[in-house]
Amino acid sequence: MNVRIVEVGPRDGLQNEKQFLSTHAKKALIQKLIASGLKEIEATSFVHPKWIPQLADADELVARLPTYSDVNYRVLVPNAKGLERVNHSILKEIAIFCSASETHNQKNVNRKREESMADFATFVPVALEQGLRVRAYLSTVFGCPYEGEILLDQVHEMSERLFDLGVYEISLGDTIGVATPASVKRILGSLLSQFPAEKLAVHFHDTKGMGAANAYQAFEMGIQTFDSSIGGLGGCPYAPGASGNLATEDLVYLLQGSGVDTGVDLDQLCRTSQWLEGQLGTKLPSKVLRAHFA
């Protein structure tokens, strides 16, 4: 089975780091990720710098991105103003973001879910008319730090409305890392009864050490697209206790061990994480990374 690995470290990972990387270092990171074999890169976010100062250089970074015929960059676009910043010579895709949880959505984007959907209705059609593909993140699918378990009906409803807007894929987020293979089987199984596997992706966090196990469960159920972050960078400022994303190294090791040709050079990927540790002045949590250089 073919799989897609969506590398979210340059956006979802770096936005939570106290140490700011220079634009030059971010570009170098992205080039190293591509050199390791990754083809889907979420480069940055067009959220206002007031909210995410770590990504204040988004426009400059996008303008500097090297172009490759087989590499797809995307950026997170929160609203119509963000869409105006899209550089069409480099970007062919954007991502939008909302939560299955009402409380988390308000904490994270200062909008009720209905307000978020109304915002999307104003600019997603414009993006599609401009020839951009639109991906959606739906967070707290597997649990919310404020509301606990989320009703499956809410997840189904939000997913259907996002697809009706024209998004080509929804990435289902375990924002606080509370999922287990059993809950993945239950929730994902329910969604797969309504939506085809090729339109769903998974975005696991490794807060409780279940990221790789959950990814394998999703893989066994036919999911082909997996979000991950170099070295396990990440978290969520509006999800107390949430640690980083599933590490790309751990995901690649899992998939390669399951007979999947990911196209990624694991050694080169680990060396990229080692370089990034030097840039950030901290150790990254990837278990495969730690073992690789032991």
Protein backbone atom coordinates (compact mmCIF):
# COMPACT_ATOMS: atom_id res chain seq x y z
CA MET A 1 0.00 0.00 0.00
CA ASN A 2 1.25 3.47 -0.88
CA VAL A 3 1.43 5.98 1.95
CA ARG A 4 1.88 9.75 2.17
CA ILE A 5 3.81 11.28 5.04
CA VAL A 6 2.88 14.91 5.67
CA GLU A 7 5.75 16.61 7.50
CA VAL A 8 4.27 19.27 9.79
CA GLY A 9 7.37 20.08 11.85
CA PRO A 10 8.21 23.42 10.19
CA ARG A 11 4.74 24.70 11.11
CA ASP A 12 3.06 22.64 13.83
CA GLY A 13 6.37 21.82 15.49
CA LEU A 14 8.22 25.11 15.45
CA GLN A 15 5.19 27.18 16.47
CA ASN A 16 5.45 25.70 19.95
CA GLU A 17 9.20 26.11 20.46
CA LYS A 18 10.52 28.80 22.80
CA GLN A 19 13.68 29.05 20.71
CA PHE A 20 12.92 30.97 17.50
CA LEU A 21 14.63 29.76 14.35
CA SER A 22 15.86 32.26 11.78
CA THR A 23 14.34 32.23 8.31
CA HIS A 24 17.64 30.90 7.00
CA ALA A 25 17.55 27.99 9.47
CA LYS A 26 13.91 27.19 8.63
CA LYS A 27 14.75 27.07 4.94
CA ALA A 28 17.73 24.82 5.69
CA LEU A 29 15.49 22.52 7.75
CA ILE A 30 12.98 22.22 4.92
CA GLN A 31 15.74 21.50 2.41
CA LYS A 32 17.14 18.78 4.67
CA LEU A 33 13.69 17.23 5.09
CA ILE A 34 13.25 17.14 1.32
CA ALA A 35 16.74 15.69 0.86
CA SER A 36 15.77 12.85 3.21
CA GLY A 37 12.91 11.95 0.87
CA LEU A 38 9.90 13.79 2.29
CA LYS A 39 7.65 15.27 -0.42
CA GLU A 40 4.75 16.82 1.56
CA ILE A 41 5.86 19.76 3.68
CA GLU A 42 3.71 22.08 5.75
CA ALA A 43 6.03 25.03 5.71
CA THR A 44 4.45 27.70 7.93
CA SER A 45 1.28 29.50 8.94
CA PHE A 46 -0.27 32.79 7.86
CA VAL A 47 -1.72 33.35 11.33
CA HIS A 48 -1.10 36.88 12.66
CA PRO A 49 2.38 37.12 14.29
CA LYS A 50 0.71 38.43 17.45
CA TRP A 51 -0.60 34.92 18.05
CA ILE A 52 2.33 32.86 16.75
CA PRO A 53 5.47 35.03 16.80
CA GLN A 54 7.64 32.00 15.99
CA LEU A 55 6.22 32.10 12.44
CA ALA A 56 6.26 35.87 11.95
CA ASP A 57 8.55 35.44 8.93
CA ALA A 58 6.01 33.32 6.99
CA ASP A 59 5.92 35.49 3.87
CA GLU A 60 9.70 35.75 3.67
CA LEU A 61 10.14 32.02 4.19
CA VAL A 62 7.63 31.10 1.48
CA ALA A 63 9.34 33.47 -0.96
CA ARG A 64 12.63 31.67 -0.30
CA LEU A 65 11.37 28.11 -0.63
CA PRO A 66 13.21 26.12 -3.30
CA THR A 67 10.93 24.72 -5.99
CA TYR A 68 10.90 21.03 -6.87
CA SER A 69 8.58 19.36 -9.34
CA ASP A 70 7.81 16.51 -6.93
CA VAL A 71 7.48 18.47 -3.66
CA ASN A 72 4.20 19.92 -2.41
CA TYR A 73 4.27 22.79 0.08
CA ARG A 74 1.26 23.94 2.05
CA VAL A 75 0.63 26.67 4.60
CA LEU A 76 -2.03 27.05 7.26
CA VAL A 77 -4.47 29.81 6.29
CA PRO A 78 -6.83 30.96 9.07
CA ASN A 79 -8.96 33.50 7.20
CA ALA A 80 -9.45 35.60 4.07
CA LYS A 81 -6.56 37.90 4.98
CA GLY A 82 -4.30 34.87 5.16
CA LEU A 83 -5.43 33.77 1.72
CA GLU A 84 -4.39 37.15 0.30
CA ARG A 85 -0.82 36.33 1.33
CA VAL A 86 -0.60 33.11 -0.70
CA ASN A 87 2.24 33.13 -3.22
CA HIS A 88 0.74 31.22 -6.15
CA SER A 89 4.06 30.68 -7.86
CA ILE A 90 5.16 28.45 -4.97
CA LEU A 91 2.04 27.28 -3.12
CA LYS A 92 -0.56 25.02 -4.69
CA GLU A 93 -2.32 24.07 -1.46
CA ILE A 94 -3.54 25.57 1.80
CA ALA A 95 -4.79 24.09 5.04
CA ILE A 96 -7.62 25.25 7.28
CA PHE A 97 -8.17 24.40 10.92
CA CYS A 98 -11.10 23.87 13.27
CA SER A 99 -12.01 21.71 16.22
CA ALA A 100 -14.65 19.09 16.85
CA SER A 101 -14.84 20.57 20.36
CA GLU A 102 -16.71 23.85 20.86
CA THR A 103 -14.57 24.89 23.84
CA HIS A 104 -11.25 24.05 22.20
CA ASN A 105 -12.25 25.91 19.04
CA GLN A 106 -13.00 29.03 21.08
CA LYS A 107 -9.75 28.74 23.05
CA ASN A 108 -7.65 28.07 19.96
CA VAL A 109 -9.04 30.47 17.35
CA ASN A 110 -11.34 32.69 19.43
CA ARG A 111 -14.32 31.54 17.38
CA LYS A 112 -17.33 29.34 17.92
CA ARG A 113 -17.40 26.41 15.54
CA GLU A 114 -20.26 28.02 13.60
CA GLU A 115 -18.19 31.18 13.24
CA SER A 116 -15.24 29.17 11.95
CA MET A 117 -17.44 27.45 9.39
CA ALA A 118 -18.88 30.81 8.32
CA ASP A 119 -15.33 32.15 7.90
CA PHE A 120 -14.38 29.15 5.77
CA ALA A 121 -17.44 29.67 3.59
CA THR A 122 -16.14 33.13 2.67
CA PHE A 123 -12.65 32.18 1.52
CA VAL A 124 -12.43 28.44 0.79
CA PRO A 125 -14.49 28.83 -2.42
CA VAL A 126 -12.16 31.67 -3.43
CA ALA A 127 -9.11 29.46 -2.83
CA LEU A 128 -10.65 26.70 -4.94
CA GLU A 129 -11.41 29.16 -7.73
CA GLN A 130 -7.76 30.20 -7.64
CA GLY A 131 -6.76 26.59 -8.28
CA LEU A 132 -5.58 25.86 -4.74
CA ARG A 133 -6.27 22.54 -3.10
CA VAL A 134 -7.64 22.84 0.43
CA ARG A 135 -6.89 20.44 3.26
CA ALA A 136 -8.69 20.61 6.62
CA TYR A 137 -7.48 19.81 10.12
CA LEU A 138 -10.18 18.66 12.52
CA SER A 139 -8.72 18.62 16.02
CA THR A 140 -9.78 16.98 19.31
CA VAL A 141 -11.44 14.12 17.42
CA PHE A 142 -10.20 11.61 19.99
CA GLY A 143 -10.65 13.78 23.09
CA CYS A 144 -10.65 17.37 24.32
CA PRO A 145 -8.77 18.85 27.31
CA TYR A 146 -11.88 20.84 28.25
CA GLU A 147 -14.82 18.64 27.27
CA GLY A 148 -13.36 15.14 27.50
CA GLU A 149 -14.76 12.61 25.03
CA ILE A 150 -16.27 14.15 21.90
CA LEU A 151 -19.53 12.77 20.56
CA LEU A 152 -19.04 10.90 17.30
CA ASP A 153 -22.05 12.68 15.85
CA GLN A 154 -20.15 15.98 16.19
CA VAL A 155 -17.14 14.55 14.38
CA HIS A 156 -19.30 13.19 11.56
CA GLU A 157 -21.19 16.47 11.23
CA MET A 158 -18.07 18.64 11.14
CA SER A 159 -16.38 16.29 8.66
CA GLU A 160 -19.37 16.30 6.32
CA ARG A 161 -19.58 20.10 6.39
CA LEU A 162 -15.88 20.44 5.64
CA PHE A 163 -16.12 18.08 2.69
CA ASP A 164 -19.18 19.98 1.47
CA LEU A 165 -17.00 23.12 1.40
CA GLY A 166 -14.69 21.39 -1.06
CA VAL A 167 -11.72 20.24 1.02
CA TYR A 168 -10.05 17.21 -0.53
CA GLU A 169 -8.87 15.65 2.73
CA ILE A 170 -9.49 15.90 6.47
CA SER A 171 -6.67 15.24 8.93
CA LEU A 172 -8.17 13.83 12.13
CA GLY A 173 -6.30 15.14 15.14
CA ASP A 174 -5.57 13.49 18.47
CA THR A 175 -4.67 16.90 19.83
CA ILE A 176 -3.81 15.88 23.39
CA GLY A 177 -2.57 12.37 22.69
CA VAL A 178 -5.28 10.44 24.54
CA ALA A 179 -6.15 7.98 21.77
CA THR A 180 -5.44 4.27 22.03
CA PRO A 181 -5.61 1.66 19.26
CA ALA A 182 -9.03 0.65 20.62
CA SER A 183 -10.44 4.18 20.41
CA VAL A 184 -8.84 4.67 16.99
CA LYS A 185 -10.53 1.48 15.80
CA ARG A 186 -13.89 2.66 17.14
CA ILE A 187 -13.80 6.28 15.97
CA LEU A 188 -12.02 5.72 12.68
CA GLY A 189 -14.21 2.71 11.95
CA SER A 190 -17.27 4.89 12.35
CA LEU A 191 -15.90 7.60 10.04
CA LEU A 192 -14.83 5.06 7.43
CA SER A 193 -18.43 3.88 7.24
CA GLN A 194 -19.29 7.32 5.82
CA PHE A 195 -16.11 8.58 4.14
CA PRO A 196 -13.54 6.77 1.92
CA ALA A 197 -10.13 6.08 3.45
CA GLU A 198 -8.34 8.13 0.78
CA LYS A 199 -10.11 11.29 2.01
CA LEU A 200 -9.01 10.85 5.63
CA ALA A 201 -5.60 11.38 7.23
CA VAL A 202 -4.49 10.98 10.85
CA HIS A 203 -2.56 13.37 13.06
CA PHE A 204 -1.43 11.71 16.29
CA HIS A 205 0.35 13.22 19.26
CA ASP A 206 2.59 11.09 21.43
CA THR A 207 1.67 12.46 24.87
CA LYS A 208 1.08 9.02 26.38
CA GLY A 209 3.45 7.12 24.09
CA MET A 210 0.65 5.76 21.88
CA GLY A 211 1.43 7.67 18.67
CA ALA A 212 3.09 4.84 16.74
CA ALA A 213 0.61 2.21 17.98
CA ASN A 214 -2.29 4.41 16.89
CA ALA A 215 -0.69 5.03 13.52
CA TYR A 216 -0.32 1.28 12.99
CA GLN A 217 -3.99 0.75 13.86
CA ALA A 218 -4.98 3.39 11.30
CA PHE A 219 -2.64 1.82 8.73
CA GLU A 220 -4.27 -1.57 9.28
CA MET A 221 -7.66 0.06 8.64
CA GLY A 222 -6.54 1.37 5.25
CA ILE A 223 -5.49 4.94 6.07
CA GLN A 224 -2.77 6.06 3.65
CA THR A 225 -1.88 9.58 4.86
CA PHE A 226 -0.08 10.26 8.13
CA ASP A 227 0.98 13.58 9.64
CA SER A 228 4.19 13.62 11.65
CA SER A 229 6.81 16.04 12.89
CA ILE A 230 10.59 15.87 12.68
CA GLY A 231 12.03 14.66 15.97
CA GLY A 232 8.58 14.73 17.62
CA LEU A 233 8.38 18.52 17.76
CA GLY A 234 5.05 20.05 18.58
CA GLY A 235 2.23 20.39 21.06
CA CYS A 236 -0.66 22.78 21.40
CA PRO A 237 -0.64 25.97 23.50
CA TYR A 238 -4.40 25.58 24.02
CA ALA A 239 -4.28 21.91 24.99
CA PRO A 240 -2.72 21.64 28.47
CA GLY A 241 -0.40 18.66 28.83
CA ALA A 242 -0.15 17.92 25.13
CA SER A 243 3.34 16.94 24.05
CA GLY A 244 4.75 16.74 20.57
CA ASN A 245 3.46 15.12 17.42
CA LEU A 246 4.26 11.58 16.43
CA ALA A 247 7.92 11.79 15.38
CA THR A 248 8.57 11.35 11.67
CA GLU A 249 11.50 9.03 12.46
CA ASP A 250 9.25 6.79 14.56
CA LEU A 251 6.57 6.74 11.85
CA VAL A 252 9.08 5.93 9.09
CA TYR A 253 10.60 3.11 11.17
CA LEU A 254 7.12 1.71 11.84
CA LEU A 255 6.05 1.83 8.19
CA GLN A 256 9.31 0.47 6.82
CA GLY A 257 9.14 -2.34 9.36
CA SER A 258 5.65 -3.08 8.05
CA GLY A 259 6.93 -3.53 4.51
CA VAL A 260 6.09 -0.04 3.20
CA ASP A 261 8.53 1.76 0.94
CA THR A 262 8.25 5.30 2.32
CA GLY A 263 10.94 6.72 0.05
CA VAL A 264 12.58 8.25 3.13
CA ASP A 265 16.21 7.74 4.10
CA LEU A 266 15.91 7.11 7.85
CA ASP A 267 19.57 7.77 8.57
CA GLN A 268 19.47 11.12 6.79
CA LEU A 269 16.23 11.98 8.57
CA CYS A 270 17.83 11.25 11.96
CA ARG A 271 20.82 13.39 11.04
CA THR A 272 18.42 16.21 10.22
CA SER A 273 16.88 15.88 13.69
CA GLN A 274 20.35 15.85 15.22
CA TRP A 275 21.14 19.08 13.35
CA LEU A 276 17.85 20.59 14.50
CA GLU A 277 18.66 19.76 18.12
CA GLY A 278 21.74 21.91 17.74
CA GLN A 279 19.70 24.76 16.30
CA LEU A 280 17.13 24.62 19.10
CA GLY A 281 19.52 23.80 21.93
CA THR A 282 17.33 20.95 23.17
CA LYS A 283 16.88 17.20 22.86
CA LEU A 284 14.04 16.01 20.64
CA PRO A 285 11.77 13.24 21.94
CA SER A 286 11.85 10.81 19.01
CA LYS A 287 12.60 7.33 20.33
CA VAL A 288 14.08 6.15 17.03
CA LEU A 289 16.34 9.21 16.97
CA ARG A 290 17.68 8.41 20.44
CA ALA A 291 18.30 4.77 19.51
CA HIS A 292 19.83 5.60 16.12
CA PHE A 293 22.80 7.40 17.63
CA ALA A 294 23.06 5.37 20.83
